[in-house]
Amino acid sequence: MNKPSDMNTVATVPLWINGKAQSASSTRTSGVTNPATGKVVRQVPLANARDVDAAVASAQRAFPAWRDTPPLRRARIVMKFRELLVAHHEELARLVTEEHGKTLPDAMGSVQRGIEVVEFAMGIPHLLKGEMSEDVGTGVDTHSLRQPLGVCTGITPFNFPVMVPLWMFPVAIACGNTFVLKPSEKVPSASMRMAELFTEAGLPDGVLNVVHGDKEAVDALLHHPLVKAVSFVGSTPIAKTIYETCAKEGKRVQALGGAKNHAVVLADADLDFAADGLIGAAYGSAGERCMAISAVVAVEEIADQLVAKLKTAAGKLKIGAGQQKDADMGPVISRVHRDRIAGYIDQGVAAGAKLVLDGRGIKVAGHEDGFFIGASLFDHVKPEMSIYRDEIFGPVLVVLRVKSLDEAIKLINANPYANGTAVFTRSGGAARRFEREIEVGMVGINVPIPVPIAYYSFGGWRNSLFGDQHVHGPEGVRFYTRGKVVTTRWPDDKAVSGGFNMPTLG
């Protein structure tokens, strides 16, 4: 990163274009704030269309040579990148904690989940194999290929500055594409460090580029004629807009949107086990996870017991700066977001929900200007309340009461979001029914956050995903490649061509 000119200024995060750090042509900038202190720690340029065009042009120039590099050679560079990520694991996690606010152990875990996607990408040459059929007709063979698309781009959110970018660019690059990453301008530094490490691993210049920015940069990428595919993770309204825009532009698109993840707790569940899992799923990363459990659906007969256990456990959570060793939960990303969460708590009280635990107004000693809000818990929540309808994206857990598994399934299937869900039960029959009948993309059985391992794919249903393919895993490979079928005949002197009729090969 560029060094500050004097002690009263902060460093400016550069762009990464053609294998090196570069200054932006745009004069617009934004402050990068440490949420635990409320202080600006860096400045980030907000790239304009000229900056985006430079990054895309760099990727386009690099594409032919990278496409033609044998897949195993590409994989060896990915392997080296993985080694460097492991060596710099804690450094990357500390950047995440500084700019996002989540606790260091949580950041370490998220980096590890990203590294696992890179480990999957190391084996992608195996998944690029096509199929072959001999003698589909007399003297005619057919085989299929999977080929890279060209320049791909990823637009990633603030809550996982390492993990979500690693869902995208290593898979795309291992498939033979080049890439332009647009991370959230709130958390730019980890993406820059990863670009440096990938270059150190031997990645050719221009294969990976990083631009920072806001809507201007995003629009430039979406409309750029050389961009062939767009991957996005963010809110549902923006995901839908990006999907529609890319469809009109003829680009391949996977756009992951918001969530309202439910956990059903049945009467036969181990309530201590369930409560312990739900506390981490609801309040980990201050609730700023697209897979956070934000709604508990409890059968009436055990609801009082479960709420009491949740209240006790949530009340013991230690709120502090992410670097504090004893902190369970750090700040949220910004003052505006903290106040928005508090506003939802106000709405829940006004709507008649029972506020069991109130996280508003919390202060952390030594970090009075930080963006902290404590764990909040509501009971007796109704589906029409805004605290249930909307994705709050903060440490607010709501409890709805139902009479049966059937009622719970109907409630969840009626929700517009369908990212992840879970059920706590000792009954194999109930679990099997839930697994089969629930209309949600990722399901946990006694697992509150069912994020798939890297060699499966991540994605929801309904308003949680726009597009046909999920991210990483086998579907990620299919997204970043396209199929081609080749039919071959090597005629001898006696062969006759097909003439004017529709050819048949039988």
Protein backbone atom coordinates (compact mmCIF):
# COMPACT_ATOMS: atom_id res chain seq x y z
CA MET A 1 0.00 0.00 0.00
CA ASN A 2 1.08 3.55 -0.64
CA LYS A 3 2.79 5.18 2.34
CA PRO A 4 1.24 8.26 3.92
CA SER A 5 2.94 11.54 3.13
CA ASP A 6 3.04 12.58 6.79
CA MET A 7 2.03 11.38 10.26
CA ASN A 8 -1.37 13.10 10.04
CA THR A 9 -2.55 11.13 7.00
CA VAL A 10 -3.35 7.46 6.50
CA ALA A 11 -2.19 5.11 3.78
CA THR A 12 -4.13 4.84 0.53
CA VAL A 13 -4.91 1.35 -0.71
CA PRO A 14 -3.92 1.13 -4.40
CA LEU A 15 -5.46 -0.85 -7.22
CA TRP A 16 -3.82 -4.06 -8.47
CA ILE A 17 -3.53 -4.10 -12.25
CA ASN A 18 -1.22 -6.13 -14.48
CA GLY A 19 0.65 -7.69 -11.57
CA LYS A 20 1.48 -4.58 -9.58
CA ALA A 21 0.03 -1.89 -7.35
CA GLN A 22 -1.17 1.16 -9.25
CA SER A 23 -2.76 4.47 -8.36
CA ALA A 24 -6.29 5.11 -9.48
CA SER A 25 -7.12 7.78 -12.05
CA SER A 26 -10.26 8.56 -10.05
CA THR A 27 -9.95 11.34 -7.49
CA ARG A 28 -12.84 10.06 -5.36
CA THR A 29 -11.90 8.21 -2.18
CA SER A 30 -13.58 6.67 0.85
CA GLY A 31 -12.35 6.08 4.37
CA VAL A 32 -11.76 2.55 5.65
CA THR A 33 -12.82 2.51 9.29
CA ASN A 34 -11.82 0.22 12.14
CA PRO A 35 -15.26 -0.59 13.60
CA ALA A 36 -13.83 -1.16 17.09
CA THR A 37 -12.43 2.37 17.33
CA GLY A 38 -14.53 4.34 14.86
CA LYS A 39 -11.32 5.73 13.36
CA VAL A 40 -10.33 5.85 9.70
CA VAL A 41 -7.27 3.64 9.22
CA ARG A 42 -6.90 3.85 5.43
CA GLN A 43 -8.23 5.60 2.37
CA VAL A 44 -9.46 3.63 -0.61
CA PRO A 45 -9.91 4.99 -4.13
CA LEU A 46 -13.34 4.67 -5.73
CA ALA A 47 -12.44 3.53 -9.21
CA ASN A 48 -14.05 5.05 -12.27
CA ALA A 49 -14.79 3.53 -15.67
CA ARG A 50 -11.26 4.35 -16.86
CA ASP A 51 -9.73 2.39 -13.97
CA VAL A 52 -12.07 -0.53 -14.58
CA ASP A 53 -11.27 -0.52 -18.27
CA ALA A 54 -7.54 -0.68 -17.48
CA ALA A 55 -8.09 -3.71 -15.24
CA VAL A 56 -10.31 -5.50 -17.76
CA ALA A 57 -7.87 -4.73 -20.60
CA SER A 58 -5.05 -6.20 -18.53
CA ALA A 59 -7.08 -9.34 -17.93
CA GLN A 60 -8.02 -9.60 -21.61
CA ARG A 61 -4.38 -9.35 -22.69
CA ALA A 62 -3.40 -12.08 -20.25
CA PHE A 63 -6.21 -14.45 -21.20
CA PRO A 64 -4.88 -16.18 -24.36
CA ALA A 65 -1.60 -17.27 -22.78
CA TRP A 66 -3.25 -18.29 -19.51
CA ARG A 67 -5.99 -20.21 -21.35
CA ASP A 68 -3.32 -22.09 -23.29
CA THR A 69 -1.27 -22.91 -20.17
CA PRO A 70 -1.74 -26.62 -19.43
CA PRO A 71 -4.21 -27.13 -16.55
CA LEU A 72 -1.62 -28.94 -14.43
CA ARG A 73 0.76 -25.99 -14.67
CA ARG A 74 -2.05 -23.68 -13.65
CA ALA A 75 -2.80 -26.00 -10.75
CA ARG A 76 0.80 -25.90 -9.54
CA ILE A 77 0.60 -22.11 -9.24
CA VAL A 78 -2.66 -22.49 -7.31
CA MET A 79 -0.86 -25.00 -5.04
CA LYS A 80 1.88 -22.48 -4.34
CA PHE A 81 -0.75 -19.83 -3.64
CA ARG A 82 -2.32 -22.16 -1.12
CA GLU A 83 1.04 -22.58 0.63
CA LEU A 84 1.44 -18.80 0.88
CA LEU A 85 -2.10 -18.38 2.21
CA VAL A 86 -1.33 -20.89 4.95
CA ALA A 87 1.95 -19.11 5.78
CA HIS A 88 0.13 -15.75 5.99
CA HIS A 89 -3.07 -17.09 7.59
CA GLU A 90 -2.91 -14.95 10.72
CA GLU A 91 -1.79 -11.83 8.82
CA LEU A 92 -4.85 -12.06 6.60
CA ALA A 93 -7.10 -12.69 9.59
CA ARG A 94 -5.77 -9.61 11.37
CA LEU A 95 -6.57 -7.49 8.31
CA VAL A 96 -10.11 -8.89 8.41
CA THR A 97 -10.45 -8.10 12.12
CA GLU A 98 -9.10 -4.59 11.70
CA GLU A 99 -11.40 -3.61 8.84
CA HIS A 100 -14.50 -5.72 9.54
CA GLY A 101 -14.42 -5.98 13.33
CA LYS A 102 -15.07 -9.70 13.85
CA THR A 103 -13.04 -11.49 16.50
CA LEU A 104 -9.65 -12.86 15.50
CA PRO A 105 -10.61 -16.54 16.04
CA ASP A 106 -13.67 -15.99 13.85
CA ALA A 107 -11.53 -14.31 11.20
CA MET A 108 -9.01 -17.17 11.37
CA GLY A 109 -11.83 -19.65 10.77
CA SER A 110 -13.17 -17.73 7.78
CA VAL A 111 -9.70 -17.59 6.20
CA GLN A 112 -9.40 -21.35 6.68
CA ARG A 113 -12.70 -21.95 4.89
CA GLY A 114 -11.38 -19.85 2.00
CA ILE A 115 -8.16 -21.84 1.89
CA GLU A 116 -10.22 -25.01 1.57
CA VAL A 117 -11.72 -23.68 -1.67
CA VAL A 118 -8.20 -23.09 -2.97
CA GLU A 119 -7.40 -26.71 -2.07
CA PHE A 120 -10.41 -27.77 -4.13
CA ALA A 121 -9.23 -25.59 -7.03
CA MET A 122 -5.88 -27.41 -7.04
CA GLY A 123 -7.74 -30.49 -8.33
CA ILE A 124 -9.74 -28.75 -11.04
CA PRO A 125 -7.78 -30.31 -13.96
CA HIS A 126 -9.67 -33.52 -13.17
CA LEU A 127 -13.02 -31.73 -13.52
CA LEU A 128 -12.10 -30.18 -16.87
CA LYS A 129 -12.15 -33.56 -18.57
CA GLY A 130 -14.74 -34.06 -21.27
CA GLU A 131 -16.43 -37.22 -22.54
CA MET A 132 -15.85 -39.32 -25.67
CA SER A 133 -18.07 -41.67 -27.61
CA GLU A 134 -16.62 -43.78 -30.42
CA ASP A 135 -18.59 -44.74 -33.54
CA VAL A 136 -21.73 -42.70 -32.89
CA GLY A 137 -22.16 -43.17 -36.64
CA THR A 138 -20.22 -45.02 -39.27
CA GLY A 139 -16.67 -43.74 -38.90
CA VAL A 140 -17.88 -40.86 -36.71
CA ASP A 141 -16.73 -40.08 -33.16
CA THR A 142 -17.96 -37.42 -30.73
CA HIS A 143 -16.18 -35.82 -27.81
CA SER A 144 -16.88 -32.90 -25.49
CA LEU A 145 -14.70 -30.15 -24.05
CA ARG A 146 -14.97 -27.67 -21.19
CA GLN A 147 -13.27 -24.37 -21.99
CA PRO A 148 -12.75 -21.13 -20.07
CA LEU A 149 -14.92 -18.08 -20.74
CA GLY A 150 -12.42 -15.21 -20.75
CA VAL A 151 -12.49 -12.25 -18.36
CA CYS A 152 -14.60 -12.93 -15.26
CA THR A 153 -15.36 -10.63 -12.36
CA GLY A 154 -16.33 -10.97 -8.71
CA ILE A 155 -18.15 -8.37 -6.62
CA THR A 156 -17.82 -9.32 -2.96
CA PRO A 157 -19.34 -8.15 0.36
CA PHE A 158 -17.81 -6.64 3.49
CA ASN A 159 -18.52 -9.49 5.88
CA PHE A 160 -16.01 -12.04 4.53
CA PRO A 161 -13.08 -10.13 3.00
CA VAL A 162 -11.02 -13.32 2.41
CA MET A 163 -13.43 -16.23 2.25
CA VAL A 164 -15.91 -14.96 -0.35
CA PRO A 165 -13.27 -13.72 -2.85
CA LEU A 166 -11.63 -17.14 -2.48
CA TRP A 167 -14.93 -18.74 -3.45
CA MET A 168 -14.51 -17.08 -6.82
CA PHE A 169 -11.16 -16.13 -8.28
CA PRO A 170 -9.13 -19.32 -7.55
CA VAL A 171 -11.83 -21.45 -9.20
CA ALA A 172 -12.13 -19.16 -12.20
CA ILE A 173 -8.36 -18.89 -12.62
CA ALA A 174 -7.75 -22.62 -12.26
CA CYS A 175 -10.30 -23.13 -15.05
CA GLY A 176 -8.19 -20.91 -17.34
CA ASN A 177 -10.00 -17.59 -17.03
CA THR A 178 -8.60 -14.23 -16.00
CA PHE A 179 -10.27 -12.19 -13.27
CA VAL A 180 -11.13 -8.71 -12.02
CA LEU A 181 -12.09 -8.59 -8.33
CA LYS A 182 -14.12 -5.71 -6.89
CA PRO A 183 -14.10 -6.20 -3.11
CA SER A 184 -16.18 -4.10 -0.75
CA GLU A 185 -14.63 -0.67 -0.35
CA LYS A 186 -15.14 -1.10 3.40
CA VAL A 187 -12.61 -3.97 3.59
CA PRO A 188 -10.11 -3.62 0.71
CA SER A 189 -6.78 -4.64 2.22
CA ALA A 190 -7.15 -8.42 2.39
CA SER A 191 -7.92 -8.65 -1.34
CA MET A 192 -4.81 -6.62 -2.15
CA ARG A 193 -2.68 -8.88 0.03
CA MET A 194 -4.06 -11.98 -1.66
CA ALA A 195 -3.26 -10.51 -5.08
CA GLU A 196 0.31 -9.93 -3.94
CA LEU A 197 0.58 -13.50 -2.67
CA PHE A 198 -0.85 -14.98 -5.88
CA THR A 199 1.70 -13.02 -7.89
CA GLU A 200 4.44 -14.28 -5.56
CA ALA A 201 3.18 -17.80 -6.26
CA GLY A 202 3.96 -17.29 -9.96
CA LEU A 203 0.66 -16.07 -11.38
CA PRO A 204 1.35 -14.20 -14.63
CA ASP A 205 0.70 -10.47 -14.72
CA GLY A 206 -2.87 -9.54 -15.58
CA VAL A 207 -4.49 -12.84 -14.65
CA LEU A 208 -5.82 -11.37 -11.38
CA ASN A 209 -6.65 -7.68 -11.02
CA VAL A 210 -8.26 -5.79 -8.12
CA VAL A 211 -10.25 -2.55 -8.36
CA HIS A 212 -11.99 -0.80 -5.48
CA GLY A 213 -15.08 1.31 -5.69
CA ASP A 214 -18.80 1.80 -5.36
CA LYS A 215 -21.68 1.74 -7.83
CA GLU A 216 -19.66 3.48 -10.55
CA ALA A 217 -17.09 0.70 -10.60
CA VAL A 218 -19.74 -2.01 -10.39
CA ASP A 219 -21.71 -0.55 -13.29
CA ALA A 220 -18.55 -0.30 -15.39
CA LEU A 221 -17.88 -3.99 -14.82
CA LEU A 222 -21.46 -5.06 -15.49
CA HIS A 223 -21.60 -3.19 -18.79
CA HIS A 224 -18.05 -3.87 -19.98
CA PRO A 225 -18.21 -5.79 -23.28
CA LEU A 226 -15.13 -7.90 -22.46
CA VAL A 227 -16.49 -9.21 -19.13
CA LYS A 228 -18.02 -12.64 -19.78
CA ALA A 229 -19.21 -13.68 -16.30
CA VAL A 230 -20.14 -11.95 -13.05
CA SER A 231 -20.20 -13.47 -9.56
CA PHE A 232 -21.85 -11.46 -6.78
CA VAL A 233 -22.63 -11.82 -3.08
CA GLY A 234 -24.67 -9.14 -1.33
CA SER A 235 -28.21 -7.98 -0.62
CA THR A 236 -31.22 -9.36 -2.49
CA PRO A 237 -32.27 -6.10 -4.23
CA ILE A 238 -28.78 -5.58 -5.64
CA ALA A 239 -28.40 -9.28 -6.51
CA LYS A 240 -31.63 -9.14 -8.49
CA THR A 241 -30.55 -5.97 -10.30
CA ILE A 242 -27.17 -7.46 -11.17
CA TYR A 243 -28.83 -10.65 -12.43
CA GLU A 244 -31.24 -8.71 -14.65
CA THR A 245 -28.49 -6.41 -15.94
CA CYS A 246 -26.14 -9.26 -16.82
CA ALA A 247 -28.94 -11.23 -18.48
CA LYS A 248 -29.65 -8.24 -20.73
CA GLU A 249 -25.93 -7.89 -21.45
CA GLY A 250 -25.62 -11.58 -22.37
CA LYS A 251 -23.24 -12.34 -19.51
CA ARG A 252 -23.19 -15.43 -17.36
CA VAL A 253 -24.18 -14.51 -13.80
CA GLN A 254 -24.48 -15.99 -10.32
CA ALA A 255 -25.87 -13.46 -7.83
CA LEU A 256 -26.28 -14.50 -4.20
CA GLY A 257 -28.66 -12.36 -2.20
CA GLY A 258 -29.94 -12.04 1.34
CA ALA A 259 -31.18 -14.56 3.87
CA LYS A 260 -33.49 -15.19 6.78
CA ASN A 261 -32.23 -18.51 8.05
CA HIS A 262 -34.46 -20.56 10.34
CA ALA A 263 -33.60 -23.24 12.87
CA VAL A 264 -36.40 -25.56 13.96
CA VAL A 265 -36.15 -27.03 17.44
CA LEU A 266 -38.42 -30.04 18.01
CA ALA A 267 -39.62 -31.38 21.34
CA ASP A 268 -37.23 -34.34 21.31
CA ALA A 269 -34.11 -32.20 20.73
CA ASP A 270 -31.25 -31.95 23.20
CA LEU A 271 -32.03 -28.40 24.31
CA ASP A 272 -28.61 -27.68 25.81
CA PHE A 273 -26.95 -28.81 22.58
CA ALA A 274 -29.41 -26.82 20.48
CA ALA A 275 -29.08 -23.64 22.54
CA ASP A 276 -25.29 -23.80 22.44
CA GLY A 277 -25.30 -24.19 18.67
CA LEU A 278 -27.85 -21.44 18.15
CA ILE A 279 -25.89 -18.90 20.20
CA GLY A 280 -22.86 -19.24 17.95
CA ALA A 281 -24.98 -19.35 14.80
CA ALA A 282 -26.96 -16.23 15.73
CA TYR A 283 -24.34 -14.01 17.36
CA GLY A 284 -21.06 -15.12 15.82
CA SER A 285 -19.54 -12.38 13.67
CA ALA A 286 -22.15 -10.08 15.30
CA GLY A 287 -24.76 -11.72 13.10
CA GLU A 288 -23.15 -10.35 9.94
CA ARG A 289 -23.25 -13.66 8.08
CA CYS A 290 -25.50 -14.66 5.22
CA MET A 291 -25.71 -18.07 6.91
CA ALA A 292 -26.44 -16.73 10.42
CA ILE A 293 -29.46 -18.21 12.14
CA SER A 294 -31.74 -15.23 12.74
CA ALA A 295 -35.05 -17.01 13.41
CA VAL A 296 -35.68 -19.93 15.76
CA VAL A 297 -38.86 -21.89 15.18
CA ALA A 298 -39.64 -23.69 18.46
CA VAL A 299 -42.44 -26.15 19.08
CA GLU A 300 -44.64 -24.74 21.81
CA GLU A 301 -44.04 -27.40 24.45
CA ILE A 302 -40.30 -26.67 24.77
CA ALA A 303 -40.27 -22.99 23.76
CA ASP A 304 -40.15 -21.57 27.30
CA GLN A 305 -37.22 -23.80 28.25
CA LEU A 306 -35.32 -23.00 25.06
CA VAL A 307 -35.81 -19.24 25.36
CA ALA A 308 -34.58 -19.34 28.96
CA LYS A 309 -31.43 -21.18 27.90
CA LEU A 310 -30.83 -18.77 25.01
CA LYS A 311 -31.27 -15.78 27.30
CA THR A 312 -28.77 -17.12 29.83
CA ALA A 313 -26.16 -17.99 27.22
CA ALA A 314 -26.55 -14.79 25.21
CA GLY A 315 -26.37 -12.70 28.37
CA LYS A 316 -22.93 -14.13 29.13
CA LEU A 317 -21.39 -13.15 25.78
CA LYS A 318 -18.34 -10.92 26.06
CA ILE A 319 -18.58 -7.93 23.71
CA GLY A 320 -15.27 -6.29 22.79
CA ALA A 321 -12.78 -5.37 20.11
CA GLY A 322 -11.96 -8.21 17.76
CA GLN A 323 -8.34 -8.29 18.89
CA GLN A 324 -9.32 -8.96 22.52
CA LYS A 325 -8.56 -12.58 23.37
CA ASP A 326 -11.70 -13.00 25.52
CA ALA A 327 -14.15 -11.33 23.11
CA ASP A 328 -17.01 -13.48 21.84
CA MET A 329 -18.48 -10.80 19.61
CA GLY A 330 -17.00 -7.67 18.06
CA PRO A 331 -18.59 -4.53 16.61
CA VAL A 332 -20.71 -4.27 13.49
CA ILE A 333 -19.32 -2.72 10.34
CA SER A 334 -20.41 0.92 10.71
CA ARG A 335 -22.22 3.45 12.86
CA VAL A 336 -25.04 3.61 10.31
CA HIS A 337 -25.50 -0.15 10.42
CA ARG A 338 -25.43 -0.21 14.22
CA ASP A 339 -28.16 2.42 14.34
CA ARG A 340 -30.19 0.51 11.74
CA ILE A 341 -30.06 -2.63 13.90
CA ALA A 342 -31.13 -0.63 16.96
CA GLY A 343 -34.01 0.73 14.89
CA TYR A 344 -35.22 -2.79 14.17
CA ILE A 345 -35.17 -3.55 17.90
CA ASP A 346 -37.34 -0.46 18.42
CA GLN A 347 -39.73 -1.75 15.76
CA GLY A 348 -39.95 -5.18 17.35
CA VAL A 349 -40.88 -3.70 20.72
CA ALA A 350 -43.45 -1.42 19.11
CA ALA A 351 -44.99 -4.37 17.23
CA GLY A 352 -45.58 -6.28 20.45
CA ALA A 353 -42.80 -8.87 20.43
CA LYS A 354 -41.32 -9.70 23.83
CA LEU A 355 -37.79 -8.29 24.13
CA VAL A 356 -36.05 -10.89 26.28
CA LEU A 357 -32.55 -9.43 25.94
CA ASP A 358 -31.73 -5.87 24.83
CA GLY A 359 -28.36 -5.11 23.23
CA ARG A 360 -28.95 -1.42 22.60
CA GLY A 361 -26.72 1.20 24.19
CA ILE A 362 -23.83 -1.06 25.07
CA LYS A 363 -20.45 0.59 25.64
CA VAL A 364 -17.07 -1.11 25.56
CA ALA A 365 -14.45 0.39 27.86
CA GLY A 366 -11.61 1.93 25.90
CA HIS A 367 -13.61 1.71 22.67
CA GLU A 368 -16.39 4.18 23.34
CA ASP A 369 -16.44 5.31 19.70
CA GLY A 370 -16.71 1.76 18.34
CA PHE A 371 -19.80 0.44 16.59
CA PHE A 372 -20.93 -2.01 19.24
CA ILE A 373 -24.36 -3.47 19.84
CA GLY A 374 -25.03 -6.37 22.17
CA ALA A 375 -26.87 -9.63 21.64
CA SER A 376 -30.63 -9.12 21.45
CA LEU A 377 -33.33 -11.78 21.76
CA PHE A 378 -37.06 -11.57 20.96
CA ASP A 379 -39.78 -14.10 21.84
CA HIS A 380 -43.40 -14.42 20.65
CA VAL A 381 -42.52 -12.98 17.24
CA LYS A 382 -45.15 -13.08 14.47
CA PRO A 383 -44.47 -13.51 10.74
CA GLU A 384 -45.88 -10.08 9.89
CA MET A 385 -43.35 -8.23 12.10
CA SER A 386 -40.43 -6.44 10.41
CA ILE A 387 -37.94 -8.13 12.75
CA TYR A 388 -38.98 -11.40 11.11
CA ARG A 389 -39.64 -10.25 7.55
CA ASP A 390 -36.40 -8.34 6.98
CA GLU A 391 -32.77 -9.40 6.96
CA ILE A 392 -31.42 -7.39 9.90
CA PHE A 393 -27.83 -8.63 9.45
CA GLY A 394 -26.94 -8.09 13.08
CA PRO A 395 -26.99 -9.79 16.49
CA VAL A 396 -30.78 -10.04 16.77
CA LEU A 397 -32.36 -13.49 17.22
CA VAL A 398 -36.14 -13.90 17.03
CA VAL A 399 -38.17 -16.85 18.30
CA LEU A 400 -41.43 -17.93 16.67
CA ARG A 401 -43.62 -20.60 18.23
CA VAL A 402 -45.38 -23.39 16.32
CA LYS A 403 -47.37 -26.48 17.24
CA SER A 404 -45.73 -29.01 14.94
CA LEU A 405 -43.01 -29.84 12.41
CA ASP A 406 -45.64 -29.49 9.68
CA GLU A 407 -46.36 -25.90 10.75
CA ALA A 408 -42.62 -25.14 10.91
CA ILE A 409 -42.03 -26.44 7.38
CA LYS A 410 -44.94 -24.38 6.01
CA LEU A 411 -43.61 -21.25 7.75
CA ILE A 412 -40.10 -21.63 6.33
CA ASN A 413 -41.28 -22.51 2.83
CA ALA A 414 -43.44 -19.39 2.78
CA ASN A 415 -40.49 -17.10 3.50
CA PRO A 416 -39.09 -15.28 0.44
CA TYR A 417 -35.53 -16.14 1.47
CA ALA A 418 -34.18 -19.68 1.24
CA ASN A 419 -30.46 -19.69 1.87
CA GLY A 420 -29.90 -22.05 4.81
CA THR A 421 -31.94 -23.80 7.48
CA ALA A 422 -31.50 -26.38 10.23
CA VAL A 423 -33.50 -28.72 12.42
CA PHE A 424 -32.61 -29.98 15.90
CA THR A 425 -34.10 -33.40 16.64
CA ARG A 426 -33.25 -36.94 17.74
CA SER A 427 -35.76 -38.39 15.27
CA GLY A 428 -34.37 -39.76 12.03
CA GLY A 429 -37.86 -39.77 10.55
CA ALA A 430 -38.46 -36.12 11.36
CA ALA A 431 -35.03 -35.18 10.03
CA ARG A 432 -35.60 -37.09 6.81
CA ARG A 433 -38.97 -35.45 6.29
CA PHE A 434 -37.49 -32.01 6.94
CA GLU A 435 -34.64 -32.66 4.51
CA ARG A 436 -37.02 -33.77 1.76
CA GLU A 437 -39.81 -31.22 2.17
CA ILE A 438 -37.95 -28.03 3.06
CA GLU A 439 -37.49 -25.70 0.08
CA VAL A 440 -34.12 -24.23 1.02
CA GLY A 441 -30.72 -24.55 -0.66
CA MET A 442 -28.58 -25.66 2.30
CA VAL A 443 -29.90 -27.81 5.14
CA GLY A 444 -28.40 -28.79 8.49
CA ILE A 445 -29.50 -31.72 10.66
CA ASN A 446 -28.35 -30.78 14.18
CA VAL A 447 -25.86 -28.49 12.38
CA PRO A 448 -26.92 -24.83 12.78
CA ILE A 449 -24.74 -23.33 10.03
CA PRO A 450 -24.74 -25.85 7.16
CA VAL A 451 -22.09 -24.20 4.98
CA PRO A 452 -21.00 -26.91 2.52
CA ILE A 453 -17.41 -28.10 2.42
CA ALA A 454 -15.44 -26.73 -0.52
CA TYR A 455 -15.97 -29.68 -2.86
CA TYR A 456 -19.73 -29.18 -2.64
CA SER A 457 -21.37 -25.97 -3.86
CA PHE A 458 -22.80 -23.05 -1.87
CA GLY A 459 -26.10 -21.44 -2.77
CA GLY A 460 -29.70 -20.84 -1.76
CA TRP A 461 -33.11 -20.84 -3.41
CA ARG A 462 -35.77 -18.22 -4.14
CA ASN A 463 -34.64 -14.66 -3.32
CA SER A 464 -31.33 -15.89 -1.94
CA LEU A 465 -29.90 -16.76 -5.36
CA PHE A 466 -30.40 -15.41 -8.86
CA GLY A 467 -28.86 -17.64 -11.50
CA ASP A 468 -28.62 -21.34 -12.21
CA GLN A 469 -25.24 -22.20 -10.71
CA HIS A 470 -24.06 -22.07 -7.10
CA VAL A 471 -20.55 -20.95 -6.12
CA HIS A 472 -17.36 -23.01 -5.76
CA GLY A 473 -17.36 -26.79 -5.90
CA PRO A 474 -18.42 -28.61 -9.09
CA GLU A 475 -21.07 -25.99 -9.95
CA GLY A 476 -18.40 -23.29 -9.74
CA VAL A 477 -16.35 -25.16 -12.34
CA ARG A 478 -19.38 -25.43 -14.61
CA PHE A 479 -20.09 -21.73 -14.15
CA TYR A 480 -16.56 -20.67 -15.13
CA THR A 481 -16.40 -22.97 -18.18
CA ARG A 482 -18.62 -23.65 -21.15
CA GLY A 483 -19.21 -26.87 -23.00
CA LYS A 484 -18.32 -27.66 -26.57
CA VAL A 485 -19.19 -30.85 -28.45
CA VAL A 486 -17.02 -31.96 -31.40
CA THR A 487 -18.17 -34.50 -33.97
CA THR A 488 -15.33 -36.00 -36.03
CA ARG A 489 -15.03 -38.02 -39.23
CA TRP A 490 -11.79 -38.81 -41.03
CA PRO A 491 -12.98 -39.86 -44.48
CA ASP A 492 -11.19 -42.33 -46.72
CA ASP A 493 -11.31 -42.28 -50.52
CA LYS A 494 -14.73 -44.01 -50.60
CA ALA A 495 -16.53 -41.70 -48.14
CA VAL A 496 -19.58 -39.74 -49.26
CA SER A 497 -20.62 -36.42 -47.71
CA GLY A 498 -24.07 -35.95 -46.18
CA GLY A 499 -25.70 -33.99 -48.98
CA PHE A 500 -28.66 -31.66 -48.38
CA ASN A 501 -30.70 -33.80 -45.99
CA MET A 502 -30.67 -33.50 -42.19
CA PRO A 503 -27.67 -35.64 -41.18
CA THR A 504 -28.29 -38.82 -39.20
CA LEU A 505 -25.52 -40.81 -37.62
CA GLY A 506 -27.21 -44.11 -36.74
